[in-house]
Amino acid sequence: MRKLILAVVFMSGAGWALAQEPQAQTPTQAQQPSAPVAKDTKEMTAVVVATDPTVKTITVKQEMGSGAAQAETTLSVDEKALAKLKNVKVGEKVKLVLKTDAMGKESVTSIEKPKSATPEK
């Protein structure tokens, strides 16, 4: 009898899980296709808050959505992007390509200025 009840509960739970509709994702600026990006990388558009080429870090402020507060994030910069880090100014809007390593830590592999780059203040 216990096995029958357990089987019924398991089957009904599986049915509920399969019956849910997938949520539609709205494309955001970070999700827009621009160039093929590997699975362990992602793109981010943000405003530069601070840079430190000696320690190889960049601090950026990214919008969390319309009307939401902006969160500051400090990221390490890879050797490939270090030359561009020296040319970035505080207040500039930049497009970053982030790579995630096996430990889950993100680092910047590319820094680009968007085509319509105007400093935000």
PDB file of N, CA and C in Angstrom:
ATOM      1  N   MET A   1       0.819  -1.200   0.000  1.00  0.00           N
ATOM      2  CA  MET A   1       0.000   0.000   0.000  1.00  0.00           C
ATOM      3  C   MET A   1       0.869   1.272   0.000  1.00  0.00           C
ATOM      4  N   ARG A   2       1.959   1.242   0.785  1.00  0.00           N
ATOM      5  CA  ARG A   2       2.850   2.405   0.837  1.00  0.00           C
ATOM      6  C   ARG A   2       3.478   2.672  -0.530  1.00  0.00           C
ATOM      7  N   LYS A   3       3.839   1.612  -1.220  1.00  0.00           N
ATOM      8  CA  LYS A   3       4.456   1.762  -2.532  1.00  0.00           C
ATOM      9  C   LYS A   3       3.471   2.366  -3.520  1.00  0.00           C
ATOM     10  N   LEU A   4       2.211   1.984  -3.412  1.00  0.00           N
ATOM     11  CA  LEU A   4       1.190   2.519  -4.299  1.00  0.00           C
ATOM     12  C   LEU A   4       1.010   4.024  -4.053  1.00  0.00           C
ATOM     13  N   ILE A   5       0.939   4.421  -2.790  1.00  0.00           N
ATOM     14  CA  ILE A   5       0.768   5.837  -2.456  1.00  0.00           C
ATOM     15  C   ILE A   5       1.990   6.629  -2.909  1.00  0.00           C
ATOM     16  N   LEU A   6       3.181   6.081  -2.667  1.00  0.00           N
ATOM     17  CA  LEU A   6       4.402   6.751  -3.083  1.00  0.00           C
ATOM     18  C   LEU A   6       4.448   6.918  -4.603  1.00  0.00           C
ATOM     19  N   ALA A   7       4.026   5.906  -5.336  1.00  0.00           N
ATOM     20  CA  ALA A   7       4.015   5.971  -6.794  1.00  0.00           C
ATOM     21  C   ALA A   7       3.025   7.016  -7.287  1.00  0.00           C
ATOM     22  N   VAL A   8       1.857   7.115  -6.661  1.00  0.00           N
ATOM     23  CA  VAL A   8       0.841   8.093  -7.059  1.00  0.00           C
ATOM     24  C   VAL A   8       1.349   9.513  -6.797  1.00  0.00           C
ATOM     25  N   VAL A   9       1.962   9.737  -5.647  1.00  0.00           N
ATOM     26  CA  VAL A   9       2.485  11.064  -5.313  1.00  0.00           C
ATOM     27  C   VAL A   9       3.594  11.446  -6.287  1.00  0.00           C
ATOM     28  N   PHE A  10       4.494  10.514  -6.586  1.00  0.00           N
ATOM     29  CA  PHE A  10       5.589  10.779  -7.512  1.00  0.00           C
ATOM     30  C   PHE A  10       5.065  11.106  -8.907  1.00  0.00           C
ATOM     31  N   MET A  11       4.104  10.344  -9.403  1.00  0.00           N
ATOM     32  CA  MET A  11       3.564  10.562 -10.745  1.00  0.00           C
ATOM     33  C   MET A  11       2.813  11.893 -10.836  1.00  0.00           C
ATOM     34  N   SER A  12       2.084  12.246  -9.796  1.00  0.00           N
ATOM     35  CA  SER A  12       1.354  13.523  -9.842  1.00  0.00           C
ATOM     36  C   SER A  12       2.338  14.695  -9.797  1.00  0.00           C
ATOM     37  N   GLY A  13       3.424  14.564  -9.017  1.00  0.00           N
ATOM     38  CA  GLY A  13       4.446  15.610  -8.976  1.00  0.00           C
ATOM     39  C   GLY A  13       5.126  15.766 -10.318  1.00  0.00           C
ATOM     40  N   ALA A  14       5.419  14.663 -10.972  1.00  0.00           N
ATOM     41  CA  ALA A  14       6.042  14.720 -12.290  1.00  0.00           C
ATOM     42  C   ALA A  14       5.085  15.336 -13.304  1.00  0.00           C
ATOM     43  N   GLY A  15       3.812  15.029 -13.199  1.00  0.00           N
ATOM     44  CA  GLY A  15       2.816  15.605 -14.103  1.00  0.00           C
ATOM     45  C   GLY A  15       2.706  17.112 -13.939  1.00  0.00           C
ATOM     46  N   TRP A  16       2.741  17.579 -12.695  1.00  0.00           N
ATOM     47  CA  TRP A  16       2.680  19.031 -12.454  1.00  0.00           C
ATOM     48  C   TRP A  16       3.915  19.731 -13.005  1.00  0.00           C
ATOM     49  N   ALA A  17       5.060  19.104 -12.846  1.00  0.00           N
ATOM     50  CA  ALA A  17       6.293  19.720 -13.336  1.00  0.00           C
ATOM     51  C   ALA A  17       6.287  19.827 -14.855  1.00  0.00           C
ATOM     52  N   LEU A  18       5.773  18.819 -15.528  1.00  0.00           N
ATOM     53  CA  LEU A  18       5.731  18.828 -16.982  1.00  0.00           C
ATOM     54  C   LEU A  18       4.626  19.729 -17.525  1.00  0.00           C
ATOM     55  N   ALA A  19       3.593  19.985 -16.737  1.00  0.00           N
ATOM     56  CA  ALA A  19       2.462  20.763 -17.208  1.00  0.00           C
ATOM     57  C   ALA A  19       2.717  22.273 -17.175  1.00  0.00           C
ATOM     58  N   GLN A  20       3.761  22.718 -16.488  1.00  0.00           N
ATOM     59  CA  GLN A  20       4.017  24.147 -16.386  1.00  0.00           C
ATOM     60  C   GLN A  20       4.490  24.689 -17.731  1.00  0.00           C
ATOM     61  N   GLU A  21       4.036  25.895 -18.042  1.00  0.00           N
ATOM     62  CA  GLU A  21       4.422  26.548 -19.283  1.00  0.00           C
ATOM     63  C   GLU A  21       5.773  27.227 -19.110  1.00  0.00           C
ATOM     64  N   PRO A  22       6.642  27.161 -20.117  1.00  0.00           N
ATOM     65  CA  PRO A  22       7.926  27.867 -20.012  1.00  0.00           C
ATOM     66  C   PRO A  22       7.694  29.370 -20.046  1.00  0.00           C
ATOM     67  N   GLN A  23       8.492  30.102 -19.271  1.00  0.00           N
ATOM     68  CA  GLN A  23       8.363  31.555 -19.230  1.00  0.00           C
ATOM     69  C   GLN A  23       9.048  32.163 -20.440  1.00  0.00           C
ATOM     70  N   ALA A  24       8.377  33.132 -21.046  1.00  0.00           N
ATOM     71  CA  ALA A  24       8.952  33.810 -22.209  1.00  0.00           C
ATOM     72  C   ALA A  24      10.044  34.758 -21.731  1.00  0.00           C
ATOM     73  N   GLN A  25      11.190  34.735 -22.395  1.00  0.00           N
ATOM     74  CA  GLN A  25      12.285  35.622 -22.043  1.00  0.00           C
ATOM     75  C   GLN A  25      12.255  36.843 -22.960  1.00  0.00           C
ATOM     76  N   THR A  26      12.354  38.007 -22.345  1.00  0.00           N
ATOM     77  CA  THR A  26      12.416  39.229 -23.139  1.00  0.00           C
ATOM     78  C   THR A  26      13.874  39.535 -23.430  1.00  0.00           C
ATOM     79  N   PRO A  27      14.211  39.862 -24.656  1.00  0.00           N
ATOM     80  CA  PRO A  27      15.611  40.134 -24.973  1.00  0.00           C
ATOM     81  C   PRO A  27      16.074  41.431 -24.316  1.00  0.00           C
ATOM     82  N   THR A  28      17.213  41.380 -23.663  1.00  0.00           N
ATOM     83  CA  THR A  28      17.807  42.570 -23.074  1.00  0.00           C
ATOM     84  C   THR A  28      19.048  42.925 -23.858  1.00  0.00           C
ATOM     85  N   GLN A  29      19.644  44.023 -23.504  1.00  0.00           N
ATOM     86  CA  GLN A  29      20.812  44.485 -24.234  1.00  0.00           C
ATOM     87  C   GLN A  29      21.958  43.485 -24.127  1.00  0.00           C
ATOM     88  N   ALA A  30      22.082  42.809 -22.975  1.00  0.00           N
ATOM     89  CA  ALA A  30      23.166  41.840 -22.798  1.00  0.00           C
ATOM     90  C   ALA A  30      22.890  40.544 -23.558  1.00  0.00           C
ATOM     91  N   GLN A  31      21.617  40.263 -23.915  1.00  0.00           N
ATOM     92  CA  GLN A  31      21.261  39.028 -24.578  1.00  0.00           C
ATOM     93  C   GLN A  31      21.166  39.172 -26.092  1.00  0.00           C
ATOM     94  N   GLN A  32      21.255  40.381 -26.617  1.00  0.00           N
ATOM     95  CA  GLN A  32      21.111  40.579 -28.046  1.00  0.00           C
ATOM     96  C   GLN A  32      22.284  39.939 -28.788  1.00  0.00           C
ATOM     97  N   PRO A  33      21.988  39.204 -29.838  1.00  0.00           N
ATOM     98  CA  PRO A  33      23.073  38.565 -30.561  1.00  0.00           C
ATOM     99  C   PRO A  33      23.906  39.582 -31.329  1.00  0.00           C
ATOM    100  N   SER A  34      25.212  39.569 -31.105  1.00  0.00           N
ATOM    101  CA  SER A  34      26.091  40.459 -31.850  1.00  0.00           C
ATOM    102  C   SER A  34      27.204  39.659 -32.515  1.00  0.00           C
ATOM    103  N   ALA A  35      27.778  38.770 -31.758  1.00  0.00           N
ATOM    104  CA  ALA A  35      28.828  37.909 -32.288  1.00  0.00           C
ATOM    105  C   ALA A  35      28.717  36.578 -31.556  1.00  0.00           C
ATOM    106  N   PRO A  36      29.159  35.493 -32.170  1.00  0.00           N
ATOM    107  CA  PRO A  36      29.086  34.223 -31.482  1.00  0.00           C
ATOM    108  C   PRO A  36      29.916  34.254 -30.199  1.00  0.00           C
ATOM    109  N   VAL A  37      29.292  33.863 -29.110  1.00  0.00           N
ATOM    110  CA  VAL A  37      29.943  33.872 -27.813  1.00  0.00           C
ATOM    111  C   VAL A  37      29.942  32.447 -27.286  1.00  0.00           C
ATOM    112  N   ALA A  38      31.050  32.015 -26.745  1.00  0.00           N
ATOM    113  CA  ALA A  38      31.148  30.657 -26.217  1.00  0.00           C
ATOM    114  C   ALA A  38      30.220  30.485 -25.022  1.00  0.00           C
ATOM    115  N   LYS A  39      29.972  29.234 -24.647  1.00  0.00           N
ATOM    116  CA  LYS A  39      29.036  28.947 -23.562  1.00  0.00           C
ATOM    117  C   LYS A  39      29.509  29.475 -22.220  1.00  0.00           C
ATOM    118  N   ASP A  40      30.799  29.509 -21.980  1.00  0.00           N
ATOM    119  CA  ASP A  40      31.304  29.968 -20.689  1.00  0.00           C
ATOM    120  C   ASP A  40      31.606  31.465 -20.677  1.00  0.00           C
ATOM    121  N   THR A  41      31.093  32.204 -21.668  1.00  0.00           N
ATOM    122  CA  THR A  41      31.277  33.648 -21.712  1.00  0.00           C
ATOM    123  C   THR A  41      29.930  34.344 -21.797  1.00  0.00           C
ATOM    124  N   LYS A  42      29.917  35.600 -21.398  1.00  0.00           N
ATOM    125  CA  LYS A  42      28.710  36.420 -21.541  1.00  0.00           C
ATOM    126  C   LYS A  42      29.123  37.854 -21.785  1.00  0.00           C
ATOM    127  N   GLU A  43      28.188  38.642 -22.300  1.00  0.00           N
ATOM    128  CA  GLU A  43      28.444  40.051 -22.593  1.00  0.00           C
ATOM    129  C   GLU A  43      27.681  40.921 -21.608  1.00  0.00           C
ATOM    130  N   MET A  44      28.255  42.090 -21.313  1.00  0.00           N
ATOM    131  CA  MET A  44      27.634  43.024 -20.381  1.00  0.00           C
ATOM    132  C   MET A  44      27.921  44.435 -20.869  1.00  0.00           C
ATOM    133  N   THR A  45      26.910  45.293 -20.853  1.00  0.00           N
ATOM    134  CA  THR A  45      27.108  46.708 -21.148  1.00  0.00           C
ATOM    135  C   THR A  45      26.926  47.456 -19.838  1.00  0.00           C
ATOM    136  N   ALA A  46      27.923  48.276 -19.491  1.00  0.00           N
ATOM    137  CA  ALA A  46      27.898  48.953 -18.204  1.00  0.00           C
ATOM    138  C   ALA A  46      28.664  50.263 -18.282  1.00  0.00           C
ATOM    139  N   VAL A  47      28.568  51.063 -17.227  1.00  0.00           N
ATOM    140  CA  VAL A  47      29.270  52.335 -17.117  1.00  0.00           C
ATOM    141  C   VAL A  47      30.473  52.132 -16.190  1.00  0.00           C
ATOM    142  N   VAL A  48      31.633  52.640 -16.593  1.00  0.00           N
ATOM    143  CA  VAL A  48      32.859  52.479 -15.821  1.00  0.00           C
ATOM    144  C   VAL A  48      32.819  53.386 -14.597  1.00  0.00           C
ATOM    145  N   VAL A  49      33.064  52.807 -13.417  1.00  0.00           N
ATOM    146  CA  VAL A  49      33.124  53.563 -12.173  1.00  0.00           C
ATOM    147  C   VAL A  49      34.581  53.823 -11.796  1.00  0.00           C
ATOM    148  N   ALA A  50      35.448  52.802 -11.969  1.00  0.00           N
ATOM    149  CA  ALA A  50      36.870  52.951 -11.660  1.00  0.00           C
ATOM    150  C   ALA A  50      37.662  51.889 -12.404  1.00  0.00           C
ATOM    151  N   THR A  51      38.940  52.203 -12.667  1.00  0.00           N
ATOM    152  CA  THR A  51      39.848  51.230 -13.267  1.00  0.00           C
ATOM    153  C   THR A  51      41.148  51.228 -12.477  1.00  0.00           C
ATOM    154  N   ASP A  52      41.818  50.085 -12.456  1.00  0.00           N
ATOM    155  CA  ASP A  52      43.114  49.970 -11.794  1.00  0.00           C
ATOM    156  C   ASP A  52      43.981  49.013 -12.595  1.00  0.00           C
ATOM    157  N   PRO A  53      44.745  49.536 -13.567  1.00  0.00           N
ATOM    158  CA  PRO A  53      45.581  48.668 -14.405  1.00  0.00           C
ATOM    159  C   PRO A  53      46.671  47.932 -13.639  1.00  0.00           C
ATOM    160  N   THR A  54      47.152  48.516 -12.525  1.00  0.00           N
ATOM    161  CA  THR A  54      48.218  47.844 -11.772  1.00  0.00           C
ATOM    162  C   THR A  54      47.718  46.568 -11.100  1.00  0.00           C
ATOM    163  N   VAL A  55      46.476  46.580 -10.631  1.00  0.00           N
ATOM    164  CA  VAL A  55      45.888  45.402  -9.989  1.00  0.00           C
ATOM    165  C   VAL A  55      45.061  44.592 -10.988  1.00  0.00           C
ATOM    166  N   LYS A  56      44.877  45.143 -12.199  1.00  0.00           N
ATOM    167  CA  LYS A  56      44.125  44.505 -13.282  1.00  0.00           C
ATOM    168  C   LYS A  56      42.661  44.302 -12.905  1.00  0.00           C
ATOM    169  N   THR A  57      42.001  45.401 -12.464  1.00  0.00           N
ATOM    170  CA  THR A  57      40.574  45.341 -12.146  1.00  0.00           C
ATOM    171  C   THR A  57      39.841  46.514 -12.779  1.00  0.00           C
ATOM    172  N   ILE A  58      38.541  46.301 -12.978  1.00  0.00           N
ATOM    173  CA  ILE A  58      37.648  47.355 -13.457  1.00  0.00           C
ATOM    174  C   ILE A  58      36.376  47.271 -12.616  1.00  0.00           C
ATOM    175  N   THR A  59      35.894  48.420 -12.181  1.00  0.00           N
ATOM    176  CA  THR A  59      34.640  48.489 -11.441  1.00  0.00           C
ATOM    177  C   THR A  59      33.620  49.144 -12.343  1.00  0.00           C
ATOM    178  N   VAL A  60      32.482  48.466 -12.529  1.00  0.00           N
ATOM    179  CA  VAL A  60      31.437  48.958 -13.422  1.00  0.00           C
ATOM    180  C   VAL A  60      30.102  48.987 -12.702  1.00  0.00           C
ATOM    181  N   LYS A  61      29.191  49.776 -13.254  1.00  0.00           N
ATOM    182  CA  LYS A  61      27.832  49.882 -12.723  1.00  0.00           C
ATOM    183  C   LYS A  61      26.888  49.440 -13.825  1.00  0.00           C
ATOM    184  N   GLN A  62      26.116  48.397 -13.536  1.00  0.00           N
ATOM    185  CA  GLN A  62      25.197  47.849 -14.531  1.00  0.00           C
ATOM    186  C   GLN A  62      23.769  48.034 -14.051  1.00  0.00           C
ATOM    187  N   GLU A  63      22.863  48.408 -14.985  1.00  0.00           N
ATOM    188  CA  GLU A  63      21.458  48.551 -14.641  1.00  0.00           C
ATOM    189  C   GLU A  63      20.841  47.185 -14.406  1.00  0.00           C
ATOM    190  N   MET A  64      20.012  47.084 -13.395  1.00  0.00           N
ATOM    191  CA  MET A  64      19.357  45.829 -13.068  1.00  0.00           C
ATOM    192  C   MET A  64      17.965  45.751 -13.679  1.00  0.00           C
ATOM    193  N   GLY A  65      17.530  46.747 -14.380  1.00  0.00           N
ATOM    194  CA  GLY A  65      16.206  46.773 -14.997  1.00  0.00           C
ATOM    195  C   GLY A  65      15.684  48.190 -14.969  1.00  0.00           C
ATOM    196  N   SER A  66      14.516  48.396 -15.541  1.00  0.00           N
ATOM    197  CA  SER A  66      13.976  49.754 -15.616  1.00  0.00           C
ATOM    198  C   SER A  66      13.578  50.238 -14.229  1.00  0.00           C
ATOM    199  N   GLY A  67      14.153  51.348 -13.830  1.00  0.00           N
ATOM    200  CA  GLY A  67      13.821  51.955 -12.557  1.00  0.00           C
ATOM    201  C   GLY A  67      14.514  51.321 -11.361  1.00  0.00           C
ATOM    202  N   ALA A  68      15.218  50.243 -11.533  1.00  0.00           N
ATOM    203  CA  ALA A  68      15.872  49.577 -10.417  1.00  0.00           C
ATOM    204  C   ALA A  68      17.221  50.226 -10.139  1.00  0.00           C
ATOM    205  N   ALA A  69      17.705  50.009  -8.943  1.00  0.00           N
ATOM    206  CA  ALA A  69      18.997  50.551  -8.561  1.00  0.00           C
ATOM    207  C   ALA A  69      20.107  49.862  -9.357  1.00  0.00           C
ATOM    208  N   GLN A  70      21.206  50.562  -9.499  1.00  0.00           N
ATOM    209  CA  GLN A  70      22.336  50.009 -10.230  1.00  0.00           C
ATOM    210  C   GLN A  70      23.306  49.378  -9.239  1.00  0.00           C
ATOM    211  N   ALA A  71      23.860  48.229  -9.611  1.00  0.00           N
ATOM    212  CA  ALA A  71      24.794  47.530  -8.746  1.00  0.00           C
ATOM    213  C   ALA A  71      26.210  47.697  -9.283  1.00  0.00           C
ATOM    214  N   GLU A  72      27.158  47.999  -8.387  1.00  0.00           N
ATOM    215  CA  GLU A  72      28.560  48.103  -8.783  1.00  0.00           C
ATOM    216  C   GLU A  72      29.214  46.741  -8.645  1.00  0.00           C
ATOM    217  N   THR A  73      30.050  46.402  -9.623  1.00  0.00           N
ATOM    218  CA  THR A  73      30.752  45.132  -9.634  1.00  0.00           C
ATOM    219  C   THR A  73      32.212  45.383  -9.983  1.00  0.00           C
ATOM    220  N   THR A  74      33.116  44.775  -9.231  1.00  0.00           N
ATOM    221  CA  THR A  74      34.535  44.845  -9.539  1.00  0.00           C
ATOM    222  C   THR A  74      34.950  43.514 -10.142  1.00  0.00           C
ATOM    223  N   LEU A  75      35.547  43.583 -11.332  1.00  0.00           N
ATOM    224  CA  LEU A  75      35.930  42.383 -12.074  1.00  0.00           C
ATOM    225  C   LEU A  75      37.417  42.400 -12.359  1.00  0.00           C
ATOM    226  N   SER A  76      38.017  41.212 -12.395  1.00  0.00           N
ATOM    227  CA  SER A  76      39.425  41.128 -12.790  1.00  0.00           C
ATOM    228  C   SER A  76      39.508  41.184 -14.317  1.00  0.00           C
ATOM    229  N   VAL A  77      40.618  41.721 -14.818  1.00  0.00           N
ATOM    230  CA  VAL A  77      40.805  41.911 -16.260  1.00  0.00           C
ATOM    231  C   VAL A  77      41.905  40.968 -16.733  1.00  0.00           C
ATOM    232  N   ASP A  78      41.609  40.241 -17.800  1.00  0.00           N
ATOM    233  CA  ASP A  78      42.552  39.303 -18.400  1.00  0.00           C
ATOM    234  C   ASP A  78      43.663  40.057 -19.131  1.00  0.00           C
ATOM    235  N   GLU A  79      44.776  39.387 -19.376  1.00  0.00           N
ATOM    236  CA  GLU A  79      45.908  40.003 -20.087  1.00  0.00           C
ATOM    237  C   GLU A  79      45.510  40.540 -21.462  1.00  0.00           C
ATOM    238  N   LYS A  80      44.574  39.842 -22.136  1.00  0.00           N
ATOM    239  CA  LYS A  80      44.153  40.256 -23.479  1.00  0.00           C
ATOM    240  C   LYS A  80      43.476  41.623 -23.478  1.00  0.00           C
ATOM    241  N   ALA A  81      42.765  41.935 -22.400  1.00  0.00           N
ATOM    242  CA  ALA A  81      42.001  43.183 -22.341  1.00  0.00           C
ATOM    243  C   ALA A  81      42.732  44.278 -21.579  1.00  0.00           C
ATOM    244  N   LEU A  82      43.918  43.991 -21.072  1.00  0.00           N
ATOM    245  CA  LEU A  82      44.640  44.959 -20.245  1.00  0.00           C
ATOM    246  C   LEU A  82      45.023  46.223 -21.021  1.00  0.00           C
ATOM    247  N   ALA A  83      45.388  46.098 -22.292  1.00  0.00           N
ATOM    248  CA  ALA A  83      45.754  47.275 -23.097  1.00  0.00           C
ATOM    249  C   ALA A  83      44.565  48.220 -23.259  1.00  0.00           C
ATOM    250  N   LYS A  84      43.371  47.664 -23.463  1.00  0.00           N
ATOM    251  CA  LYS A  84      42.174  48.506 -23.610  1.00  0.00           C
ATOM    252  C   LYS A  84      41.768  49.124 -22.274  1.00  0.00           C
ATOM    253  N   LEU A  85      42.080  48.452 -21.152  1.00  0.00           N
ATOM    254  CA  LEU A  85      41.731  48.973 -19.832  1.00  0.00           C
ATOM    255  C   LEU A  85      42.415  50.310 -19.584  1.00  0.00           C
ATOM    256  N   LYS A  86      43.632  50.465 -20.077  1.00  0.00           N
ATOM    257  CA  LYS A  86      44.394  51.697 -19.867  1.00  0.00           C
ATOM    258  C   LYS A  86      43.770  52.884 -20.608  1.00  0.00           C
ATOM    259  N   ASN A  87      42.962  52.624 -21.648  1.00  0.00           N
ATOM    260  CA  ASN A  87      42.355  53.698 -22.437  1.00  0.00           C
ATOM    261  C   ASN A  87      40.930  54.031 -22.014  1.00  0.00           C
ATOM    262  N   VAL A  88      40.378  53.290 -21.065  1.00  0.00           N
ATOM    263  CA  VAL A  88      38.998  53.500 -20.626  1.00  0.00           C
ATOM    264  C   VAL A  88      38.969  54.585 -19.557  1.00  0.00           C
ATOM    265  N   LYS A  89      37.981  55.480 -19.664  1.00  0.00           N
ATOM    266  CA  LYS A  89      37.844  56.571 -18.701  1.00  0.00           C
ATOM    267  C   LYS A  89      36.606  56.354 -17.833  1.00  0.00           C
ATOM    268  N   VAL A  90      36.641  56.899 -16.629  1.00  0.00           N
ATOM    269  CA  VAL A  90      35.511  56.830 -15.708  1.00  0.00           C
ATOM    270  C   VAL A  90      34.320  57.549 -16.320  1.00  0.00           C
ATOM    271  N   GLY A  91      33.152  56.938 -16.267  1.00  0.00           N
ATOM    272  CA  GLY A  91      31.929  57.516 -16.815  1.00  0.00           C
ATOM    273  C   GLY A  91      31.601  57.030 -18.211  1.00  0.00           C
ATOM    274  N   GLU A  92      32.538  56.356 -18.869  1.00  0.00           N
ATOM    275  CA  GLU A  92      32.287  55.838 -20.210  1.00  0.00           C
ATOM    276  C   GLU A  92      31.427  54.585 -20.141  1.00  0.00           C
ATOM    277  N   LYS A  93      30.626  54.410 -21.183  1.00  0.00           N
ATOM    278  CA  LYS A  93      29.833  53.206 -21.329  1.00  0.00           C
ATOM    279  C   LYS A  93      30.648  52.211 -22.156  1.00  0.00           C
ATOM    280  N   VAL A  94      30.799  50.984 -21.652  1.00  0.00           N
ATOM    281  CA  VAL A  94      31.612  49.978 -22.337  1.00  0.00           C
ATOM    282  C   VAL A  94      30.847  48.669 -22.450  1.00  0.00           C
ATOM    283  N   LYS A  95      31.264  47.877 -23.425  1.00  0.00           N
ATOM    284  CA  LYS A  95      30.732  46.535 -23.599  1.00  0.00           C
ATOM    285  C   LYS A  95      31.833  45.563 -23.197  1.00  0.00           C
ATOM    286  N   LEU A  96      31.561  44.717 -22.205  1.00  0.00           N
ATOM    287  CA  LEU A  96      32.543  43.781 -21.689  1.00  0.00           C
ATOM    288  C   LEU A  96      32.172  42.362 -22.087  1.00  0.00           C
ATOM    289  N   VAL A  97      33.171  41.555 -22.391  1.00  0.00           N
ATOM    290  CA  VAL A  97      32.967  40.128 -22.594  1.00  0.00           C
ATOM    291  C   VAL A  97      33.610  39.449 -21.395  1.00  0.00           C
ATOM    292  N   LEU A  98      32.797  38.681 -20.651  1.00  0.00           N
ATOM    293  CA  LEU A  98      33.258  38.024 -19.440  1.00  0.00           C
ATOM    294  C   LEU A  98      33.404  36.531 -19.674  1.00  0.00           C
ATOM    295  N   LYS A  99      34.459  35.960 -19.126  1.00  0.00           N
ATOM    296  CA  LYS A  99      34.686  34.528 -19.212  1.00  0.00           C
ATOM    297  C   LYS A  99      34.614  33.960 -17.794  1.00  0.00           C
ATOM    298  N   THR A 100      33.920  32.839 -17.645  1.00  0.00           N
ATOM    299  CA  THR A 100      33.798  32.185 -16.357  1.00  0.00           C
ATOM    300  C   THR A 100      34.742  30.991 -16.317  1.00  0.00           C
ATOM    301  N   ASP A 101      35.577  30.933 -15.269  1.00  0.00           N
ATOM    302  CA  ASP A 101      36.501  29.802 -15.160  1.00  0.00           C
ATOM    303  C   ASP A 101      35.829  28.634 -14.442  1.00  0.00           C
ATOM    304  N   ALA A 102      36.567  27.552 -14.222  1.00  0.00           N
ATOM    305  CA  ALA A 102      36.017  26.344 -13.611  1.00  0.00           C
ATOM    306  C   ALA A 102      35.545  26.588 -12.180  1.00  0.00           C
ATOM    307  N   MET A 103      36.103  27.568 -11.507  1.00  0.00           N
ATOM    308  CA  MET A 103      35.724  27.868 -10.127  1.00  0.00           C
ATOM    309  C   MET A 103      34.522  28.814 -10.057  1.00  0.00           C
ATOM    310  N   GLY A 104      34.036  29.286 -11.202  1.00  0.00           N
ATOM    311  CA  GLY A 104      32.889  30.179 -11.242  1.00  0.00           C
ATOM    312  C   GLY A 104      33.247  31.654 -11.171  1.00  0.00           C
ATOM    313  N   LYS A 105      34.531  31.984 -11.195  1.00  0.00           N
ATOM    314  CA  LYS A 105      34.973  33.380 -11.130  1.00  0.00           C
ATOM    315  C   LYS A 105      34.964  33.976 -12.531  1.00  0.00           C
ATOM    316  N   GLU A 106      34.411  35.194 -12.643  1.00  0.00           N
ATOM    317  CA  GLU A 106      34.339  35.876 -13.939  1.00  0.00           C
ATOM    318  C   GLU A 106      35.522  36.826 -14.106  1.00  0.00           C
ATOM    319  N   SER A 107      36.048  36.881 -15.336  1.00  0.00           N
ATOM    320  CA  SER A 107      37.100  37.837 -15.654  1.00  0.00           C
ATOM    321  C   SER A 107      36.807  38.440 -17.024  1.00  0.00           C
ATOM    322  N   VAL A 108      37.232  39.686 -17.218  1.00  0.00           N
ATOM    323  CA  VAL A 108      36.984  40.414 -18.454  1.00  0.00           C
ATOM    324  C   VAL A 108      38.026  40.001 -19.486  1.00  0.00           C
ATOM    325  N   THR A 109      37.564  39.546 -20.649  1.00  0.00           N
ATOM    326  CA  THR A 109      38.483  39.161 -21.717  1.00  0.00           C
ATOM    327  C   THR A 109      38.496  40.178 -22.853  1.00  0.00           C
ATOM    328  N   SER A 110      37.487  41.060 -22.906  1.00  0.00           N
ATOM    329  CA  SER A 110      37.422  42.056 -23.964  1.00  0.00           C
ATOM    330  C   SER A 110      36.689  43.292 -23.460  1.00  0.00           C
ATOM    331  N   ILE A 111      37.219  44.463 -23.801  1.00  0.00           N
ATOM    332  CA  ILE A 111      36.581  45.740 -23.474  1.00  0.00           C
ATOM    333  C   ILE A 111      36.414  46.506 -24.775  1.00  0.00           C
ATOM    334  N   GLU A 112      35.160  46.860 -25.095  1.00  0.00           N
ATOM    335  CA  GLU A 112      34.876  47.608 -26.312  1.00  0.00           C
ATOM    336  C   GLU A 112      33.989  48.791 -25.976  1.00  0.00           C
ATOM    337  N   LYS A 113      34.121  49.842 -26.758  1.00  0.00           N
ATOM    338  CA  LYS A 113      33.226  50.988 -26.613  1.00  0.00           C
ATOM    339  C   LYS A 113      32.096  50.812 -27.609  1.00  0.00           C
ATOM    340  N   PRO A 114      30.830  50.925 -27.170  1.00  0.00           N
ATOM    341  CA  PRO A 114      29.705  50.818 -28.097  1.00  0.00           C
ATOM    342  C   PRO A 114      29.796  51.901 -29.168  1.00  0.00           C
ATOM    343  N   LYS A 115      29.162  51.652 -30.311  1.00  0.00           N
ATOM    344  CA  LYS A 115      29.233  52.577 -31.428  1.00  0.00           C
ATOM    345  C   LYS A 115      28.703  53.955 -31.080  1.00  0.00           C
ATOM    346  N   SER A 116      27.666  54.021 -30.261  1.00  0.00           N
ATOM    347  CA  SER A 116      27.105  55.310 -29.851  1.00  0.00           C
ATOM    348  C   SER A 116      27.548  55.611 -28.416  1.00  0.00           C
ATOM    349  N   ALA A 117      28.848  55.602 -28.193  1.00  0.00           N
ATOM    350  CA  ALA A 117      29.396  55.785 -26.851  1.00  0.00           C
ATOM    351  C   ALA A 117      29.373  57.267 -26.461  1.00  0.00           C
ATOM    352  N   THR A 118      28.559  57.580 -25.477  1.00  0.00           N
ATOM    353  CA  THR A 118      28.545  58.918 -24.908  1.00  0.00           C
ATOM    354  C   THR A 118      28.686  58.761 -23.408  1.00  0.00           C
ATOM    355  N   PRO A 119      29.561  59.490 -22.768  1.00  0.00           N
ATOM    356  CA  PRO A 119      29.733  59.342 -21.334  1.00  0.00           C
ATOM    357  C   PRO A 119      28.482  59.750 -20.588  1.00  0.00           C
ATOM    358  N   GLU A 120      28.118  58.923 -19.589  1.00  0.00           N
ATOM    359  CA  GLU A 120      26.974  59.240 -18.741  1.00  0.00           C
ATOM    360  C   GLU A 120      27.488  59.877 -17.469  1.00  0.00           C
ATOM    361  N   LYS A 121      26.738  60.837 -16.968  1.00  0.00           N
ATOM    362  CA  LYS A 121      27.170  61.500 -15.736  1.00  0.00           C
ATOM    363  C   LYS A 121      26.089  61.493 -14.725  1.00  0.00           C
TER     364      LYS A 121
END
